Amino acid sequence: MSGAQKSSERSSIDEAATRKRGRSLAALGYTKPQTYEELRAVLSSGTVHFPKRLRQVAIFLWQHPSDVALGTIAQVAEQAGVQPSTLVRFAQIFGYAGFSDFQGLFKEHVKGSWPEGRGPERTAAEPNANLHFLNGMVGASRASLGRIDNSFDIESFEEMVALLAAADLIYVIGSKRAFPVTTYLSLTLSQQGIRNVLVDNVGSTALDQVGCIGKRDAVLAVSFSPYNSITPDLVAVAHERKARIVTITDSTFSPLVKLSDTWLEVVESDFAGFRSLAASLAVGMALVHGVVACRTE
């Protein structure tokens, strides 16, 4: 094949890719979100389907807008676990020339939360390493709880309470990092006299533990990214058997969202690679309280 033919072929491929990308964005009604809220609407619409690495970027952007706003492209790429070029490619999908332009959406979004238009407060490093870590985790917990104050979906919460309160039996499902949350929720439900089953997968029996689930039962599922646990498979079984499903998860990209009757977004902050569970436990306890109150009315 001649050089001219190769060049022509590459041009055709590029044009086809551009047309394909254009069709995907045209289906959304616009090609360039002008605000962070518009971007979230695009991401949650389900009309753009990302390959693995771009989906990884989308999840990170969804969960950590402040980190995206304040970081360099290298820092954001490292935190998201991708190459900087992947961030550029993601920005270009939405009509931006590069990541820095795209980053402006996040800067505009977060600066409203900074006092008097200043940046976030910086504190001096604690000389004691253990105390520094403790303070960092306390700060992460506060940030997680602060998100609930700012963007709690009360309608979804009340629907979750109603569905759980109406169930004959509640199956509580979560694994890995979500397991401490589901264990405590199950314990608290039991202490309040609410019949439930903690699906703990002891002896790899999780599928057997949900084997008797039916349409008069409900599932309370908890799942966080990365979404690579057994939880989606168990919730899929419950979905097939017409059980009602409510979920606590951390983004619209969770595989549980499409299986759920309703869901709540709870994003936990992290420090030095360790994530808080403060917000998830707070929301879970509120759910238990709501179910008990609903059943005693």
Protein backbone atom coordinates (compact mmCIF):
# COMPACT_ATOMS: atom_id res chain seq x y z
CA MET A 1 0.00 0.00 0.00
CA SER A 2 1.38 3.42 -0.95
CA GLY A 3 1.97 6.25 1.51
CA ALA A 4 -0.89 8.21 -0.04
CA GLN A 5 -3.25 5.26 0.36
CA LYS A 6 -2.21 4.80 4.01
CA SER A 7 -2.74 8.49 4.69
CA SER A 8 -6.17 8.35 3.05
CA GLU A 9 -7.10 5.28 5.09
CA ARG A 10 -6.02 6.93 8.36
CA SER A 11 -8.04 10.01 7.44
CA SER A 12 -11.12 7.88 6.80
CA ILE A 13 -10.72 6.15 10.15
CA ASP A 14 -10.34 9.47 11.95
CA GLU A 15 -13.41 10.88 10.21
CA ALA A 16 -15.42 7.78 11.11
CA ALA A 17 -14.35 8.07 14.75
CA THR A 18 -15.30 11.74 14.78
CA ARG A 19 -18.70 11.01 13.25
CA LYS A 20 -19.28 8.22 15.77
CA ARG A 21 -18.37 10.52 18.65
CA GLY A 22 -20.57 13.26 17.24
CA ARG A 23 -23.57 10.95 17.03
CA SER A 24 -23.14 9.93 20.66
CA LEU A 25 -23.04 13.53 21.83
CA ALA A 26 -25.78 14.66 19.47
CA ALA A 27 -28.05 12.12 21.13
CA LEU A 28 -27.66 14.15 24.32
CA GLY A 29 -28.93 17.33 22.67
CA TYR A 30 -25.65 19.23 23.07
CA THR A 31 -21.95 18.59 22.70
CA LYS A 32 -20.33 20.84 25.28
CA PRO A 33 -21.60 21.04 28.88
CA GLN A 34 -21.22 24.59 30.16
CA THR A 35 -21.48 23.82 33.89
CA TYR A 36 -20.57 21.02 36.26
CA GLU A 37 -24.28 20.33 36.77
CA GLU A 38 -24.78 19.90 33.02
CA LEU A 39 -21.83 17.51 32.92
CA ARG A 40 -23.34 15.42 35.73
CA ALA A 41 -26.62 15.33 33.83
CA VAL A 42 -24.81 14.01 30.76
CA LEU A 43 -22.93 11.39 32.75
CA SER A 44 -26.05 10.19 34.56
CA SER A 45 -28.15 10.06 31.39
CA GLY A 46 -26.69 6.71 30.34
CA THR A 47 -26.51 7.82 26.70
CA VAL A 48 -22.71 7.91 26.55
CA HIS A 49 -20.99 4.56 26.97
CA PHE A 50 -17.35 4.75 27.92
CA PRO A 51 -14.62 2.15 27.50
CA LYS A 52 -12.93 0.96 30.69
CA ARG A 53 -10.35 3.72 31.18
CA LEU A 54 -12.71 6.57 30.32
CA ARG A 55 -15.33 5.09 32.62
CA GLN A 56 -12.70 5.07 35.35
CA VAL A 57 -12.15 8.79 34.70
CA ALA A 58 -15.89 9.49 34.75
CA ILE A 59 -16.29 7.81 38.14
CA PHE A 60 -13.40 9.79 39.61
CA LEU A 61 -14.69 13.10 38.24
CA TRP A 62 -18.14 12.33 39.60
CA GLN A 63 -16.87 11.55 43.09
CA HIS A 64 -14.06 14.09 43.50
CA PRO A 65 -14.90 17.43 41.85
CA SER A 66 -12.76 19.38 44.33
CA ASP A 67 -9.68 17.29 43.60
CA VAL A 68 -10.23 17.81 39.88
CA ALA A 69 -10.63 21.56 40.35
CA LEU A 70 -7.49 22.00 42.44
CA GLY A 71 -5.08 19.49 40.93
CA THR A 72 -2.73 19.58 37.99
CA ILE A 73 -3.42 17.19 35.15
CA ALA A 74 -0.63 14.95 36.44
CA GLN A 75 -2.06 14.91 39.95
CA VAL A 76 -5.60 14.21 38.78
CA ALA A 77 -4.39 11.45 36.46
CA GLU A 78 -2.44 9.81 39.28
CA GLN A 79 -5.43 9.94 41.63
CA ALA A 80 -7.74 8.56 38.96
CA GLY A 81 -5.27 5.80 38.07
CA VAL A 82 -4.94 6.76 34.40
CA GLN A 83 -2.50 8.52 32.08
CA PRO A 84 -2.80 12.31 31.57
CA SER A 85 -3.57 11.65 27.90
CA THR A 86 -6.71 9.80 29.01
CA LEU A 87 -7.96 12.94 30.77
CA VAL A 88 -7.35 14.95 27.61
CA ARG A 89 -9.24 12.38 25.56
CA PHE A 90 -12.14 12.48 28.03
CA ALA A 91 -12.32 16.29 27.82
CA GLN A 92 -12.28 16.18 24.02
CA ILE A 93 -15.27 13.85 23.97
CA PHE A 94 -17.30 16.69 25.44
CA GLY A 95 -16.09 19.28 22.96
CA TYR A 96 -13.19 20.78 24.92
CA ALA A 97 -9.79 21.36 23.37
CA GLY A 98 -7.97 19.96 26.38
CA PHE A 99 -8.16 19.15 30.05
CA SER A 100 -7.39 22.66 31.34
CA ASP A 101 -10.47 24.11 29.61
CA PHE A 102 -12.59 21.22 30.84
CA GLN A 103 -11.24 21.71 34.37
CA GLY A 104 -12.86 25.15 34.43
CA LEU A 105 -16.26 23.49 35.00
CA PHE A 106 -14.99 22.05 38.25
CA LYS A 107 -13.27 25.25 39.39
CA GLU A 108 -16.49 27.23 38.96
CA HIS A 109 -18.41 24.55 40.82
CA VAL A 110 -16.20 24.34 43.90
CA LYS A 111 -15.18 27.97 44.35
CA GLY A 112 -18.63 28.84 45.65
CA SER A 113 -17.89 26.73 48.73
CA TRP A 114 -14.67 28.60 49.51
CA PRO A 115 -15.07 31.42 52.05
CA GLU A 116 -14.98 34.90 50.52
CA GLY A 117 -13.82 33.51 47.21
CA ARG A 118 -10.55 32.22 48.67
CA GLY A 119 -9.21 28.75 48.20
CA PRO A 120 -9.75 25.94 50.71
CA GLU A 121 -8.00 26.37 54.02
CA ARG A 122 -4.51 24.90 54.34
CA THR A 123 -3.30 23.72 57.73
CA ALA A 124 0.25 23.25 58.89
CA ALA A 125 1.58 19.71 58.82
CA GLU A 126 1.39 17.89 62.15
CA PRO A 127 4.90 16.83 63.26
CA ASN A 128 3.59 13.61 64.84
CA ALA A 129 2.90 11.23 61.93
CA ASN A 130 0.23 9.22 63.76
CA LEU A 131 -1.60 12.33 64.88
CA HIS A 132 -1.30 13.74 61.37
CA PHE A 133 -3.00 10.62 59.99
CA LEU A 134 -5.72 10.75 62.64
CA ASN A 135 -6.43 14.40 61.86
CA GLY A 136 -6.50 13.55 58.18
CA MET A 137 -9.09 10.83 58.70
CA VAL A 138 -11.18 13.13 60.88
CA GLY A 139 -11.05 15.72 58.11
CA ALA A 140 -12.08 13.13 55.52
CA SER A 141 -15.02 12.10 57.69
CA ARG A 142 -16.11 15.71 58.06
CA ALA A 143 -15.90 16.23 54.31
CA SER A 144 -17.99 13.10 53.71
CA LEU A 145 -20.64 14.22 56.18
CA GLY A 146 -20.57 17.73 54.72
CA ARG A 147 -21.64 16.39 51.33
CA ILE A 148 -24.79 15.01 52.91
CA ASP A 149 -25.66 18.45 54.26
CA ASN A 150 -25.21 19.97 50.82
CA SER A 151 -26.88 17.47 48.50
CA PHE A 152 -29.05 14.94 50.30
CA ASP A 153 -31.87 13.46 48.21
CA ILE A 154 -34.68 13.41 50.75
CA GLU A 155 -37.25 12.07 48.27
CA SER A 156 -35.14 9.00 47.50
CA PHE A 157 -34.44 8.53 51.19
CA GLU A 158 -38.13 8.55 52.10
CA GLU A 159 -38.91 6.12 49.28
CA MET A 160 -36.19 3.79 50.57
CA VAL A 161 -37.66 3.93 54.08
CA ALA A 162 -41.14 3.11 52.76
CA LEU A 163 -39.96 0.13 50.69
CA LEU A 164 -37.91 -1.33 53.53
CA ALA A 165 -40.69 -0.80 56.08
CA ALA A 166 -43.18 -2.64 53.85
CA ALA A 167 -40.97 -5.72 53.34
CA ASP A 168 -41.58 -9.06 55.04
CA LEU A 169 -37.84 -9.66 55.27
CA ILE A 170 -34.89 -7.35 54.55
CA TYR A 171 -31.76 -8.79 52.98
CA VAL A 172 -28.70 -6.65 53.76
CA ILE A 173 -26.00 -7.07 51.12
CA GLY A 174 -22.51 -5.60 50.88
CA SER A 175 -18.97 -6.89 50.58
CA LYS A 176 -15.38 -5.73 50.97
CA ARG A 177 -15.32 -2.10 52.14
CA ALA A 178 -19.12 -2.00 52.34
CA PHE A 179 -19.27 -5.02 54.65
CA PRO A 180 -18.64 -3.10 57.90
CA VAL A 181 -21.57 -0.86 56.99
CA THR A 182 -23.97 -3.70 56.21
CA THR A 183 -22.90 -5.65 59.31
CA TYR A 184 -23.74 -2.73 61.56
CA LEU A 185 -27.02 -2.02 59.77
CA SER A 186 -28.08 -5.65 60.15
CA LEU A 187 -27.18 -5.62 63.83
CA THR A 188 -29.11 -2.40 64.42
CA LEU A 189 -32.16 -3.67 62.54
CA SER A 190 -32.14 -6.82 64.68
CA GLN A 191 -31.82 -4.81 67.89
CA GLN A 192 -34.89 -2.85 66.82
CA GLY A 193 -36.90 -6.02 66.15
CA ILE A 194 -36.77 -5.75 62.34
CA ARG A 195 -36.37 -9.16 60.69
CA ASN A 196 -33.39 -9.21 58.35
CA VAL A 197 -30.73 -11.43 56.82
CA LEU A 198 -27.12 -10.33 56.65
CA VAL A 199 -25.70 -11.83 53.46
CA ASP A 200 -22.13 -12.40 54.66
CA ASN A 201 -20.96 -15.01 52.11
CA VAL A 202 -19.37 -17.16 54.82
CA GLY A 203 -18.23 -20.38 53.16
CA SER A 204 -19.01 -18.84 49.75
CA THR A 205 -22.72 -19.35 50.43
CA ALA A 206 -23.98 -15.92 49.38
CA LEU A 207 -26.10 -17.23 46.50
CA ASP A 208 -27.65 -19.78 48.85
CA GLN A 209 -28.33 -17.06 51.41
CA VAL A 210 -30.50 -15.19 48.92
CA GLY A 211 -32.00 -18.39 47.55
CA CYS A 212 -35.39 -17.87 49.21
CA ILE A 213 -35.82 -14.20 48.45
CA GLY A 214 -39.23 -13.28 47.03
CA LYS A 215 -41.32 -10.39 45.80
CA ARG A 216 -42.52 -9.49 49.31
CA ASP A 217 -38.96 -9.01 50.50
CA ALA A 218 -36.54 -6.12 50.07
CA VAL A 219 -32.81 -5.72 49.61
CA LEU A 220 -30.72 -3.01 51.21
CA ALA A 221 -27.48 -3.04 49.22
CA VAL A 222 -24.32 -1.02 49.83
CA SER A 223 -21.57 -0.81 47.21
CA PHE A 224 -18.60 1.45 46.51
CA SER A 225 -16.21 1.76 43.60
CA PRO A 226 -14.39 -0.17 42.29
CA TYR A 227 -17.51 -2.21 41.58
CA ASN A 228 -15.88 -5.63 41.34
CA SER A 229 -17.50 -7.58 44.18
CA ILE A 230 -20.19 -10.25 44.33
CA THR A 231 -22.83 -7.69 45.33
CA PRO A 232 -24.14 -6.93 41.80
CA ASP A 233 -24.66 -10.66 41.14
CA LEU A 234 -26.66 -11.09 44.34
CA VAL A 235 -28.76 -8.00 43.69
CA ALA A 236 -29.42 -9.26 40.15
CA VAL A 237 -30.90 -12.46 41.63
CA ALA A 238 -33.18 -10.40 43.86
CA HIS A 239 -34.18 -8.25 40.89
CA GLU A 240 -35.13 -11.32 38.85
CA ARG A 241 -37.33 -12.50 41.71
CA LYS A 242 -39.16 -9.15 41.90
CA ALA A 243 -37.87 -8.14 45.33
CA ARG A 244 -37.73 -4.42 46.02
CA ILE A 245 -34.19 -3.07 45.96
CA VAL A 246 -32.75 0.05 47.57
CA THR A 247 -29.09 0.97 47.33
CA ILE A 248 -26.47 3.17 48.93
CA THR A 249 -23.67 3.71 46.43
CA ASP A 250 -21.22 6.38 45.34
CA SER A 251 -21.98 7.20 41.70
CA THR A 252 -24.41 6.78 38.86
CA PHE A 253 -21.94 4.32 37.30
CA SER A 254 -22.58 1.69 39.96
CA PRO A 255 -24.02 -1.48 38.38
CA LEU A 256 -26.59 -1.52 41.19
CA VAL A 257 -28.28 1.68 40.01
CA LYS A 258 -30.09 0.08 37.07
CA LEU A 259 -31.26 -2.78 39.30
CA SER A 260 -32.61 -0.58 42.09
CA ASP A 261 -36.05 0.84 42.71
CA THR A 262 -34.32 3.83 44.23
CA TRP A 263 -30.82 4.73 45.40
CA LEU A 264 -28.87 7.30 47.38
CA GLU A 265 -25.50 8.71 46.44
CA VAL A 266 -23.01 8.77 49.32
CA VAL A 267 -19.43 9.73 48.42
CA GLU A 268 -16.78 9.11 51.04
CA SER A 269 -13.59 11.19 51.16
CA ASP A 270 -10.22 9.57 51.67
CA PHE A 271 -6.93 10.42 53.30
CA ALA A 272 -3.61 8.82 52.37
CA GLY A 273 -5.46 6.08 50.50
CA PHE A 274 -7.87 5.27 53.36
CA ARG A 275 -11.54 6.11 52.94
CA SER A 276 -13.96 7.21 55.59
CA LEU A 277 -17.22 5.33 56.22
CA ALA A 278 -18.75 8.09 58.33
CA ALA A 279 -21.35 9.26 55.82
CA SER A 280 -22.43 5.75 54.84
CA LEU A 281 -22.97 4.78 58.48
CA ALA A 282 -24.85 8.02 59.19
CA VAL A 283 -27.21 7.50 56.25
CA GLY A 284 -27.63 3.82 57.14
CA MET A 285 -28.54 4.62 60.74
CA ALA A 286 -31.05 7.20 59.53
CA LEU A 287 -32.61 4.54 57.30
CA VAL A 288 -32.94 2.14 60.23
CA HIS A 289 -34.49 4.88 62.35
CA GLY A 290 -36.93 5.70 59.56
CA VAL A 291 -37.97 2.08 59.08
CA VAL A 292 -38.58 1.60 62.81
CA ALA A 293 -40.59 4.82 63.01
CA CYS A 294 -42.64 3.87 59.94
CA ARG A 295 -43.51 0.45 61.35
CA THR A 296 -44.59 1.82 64.71
CA GLU A 297 -46.93 4.48 63.33
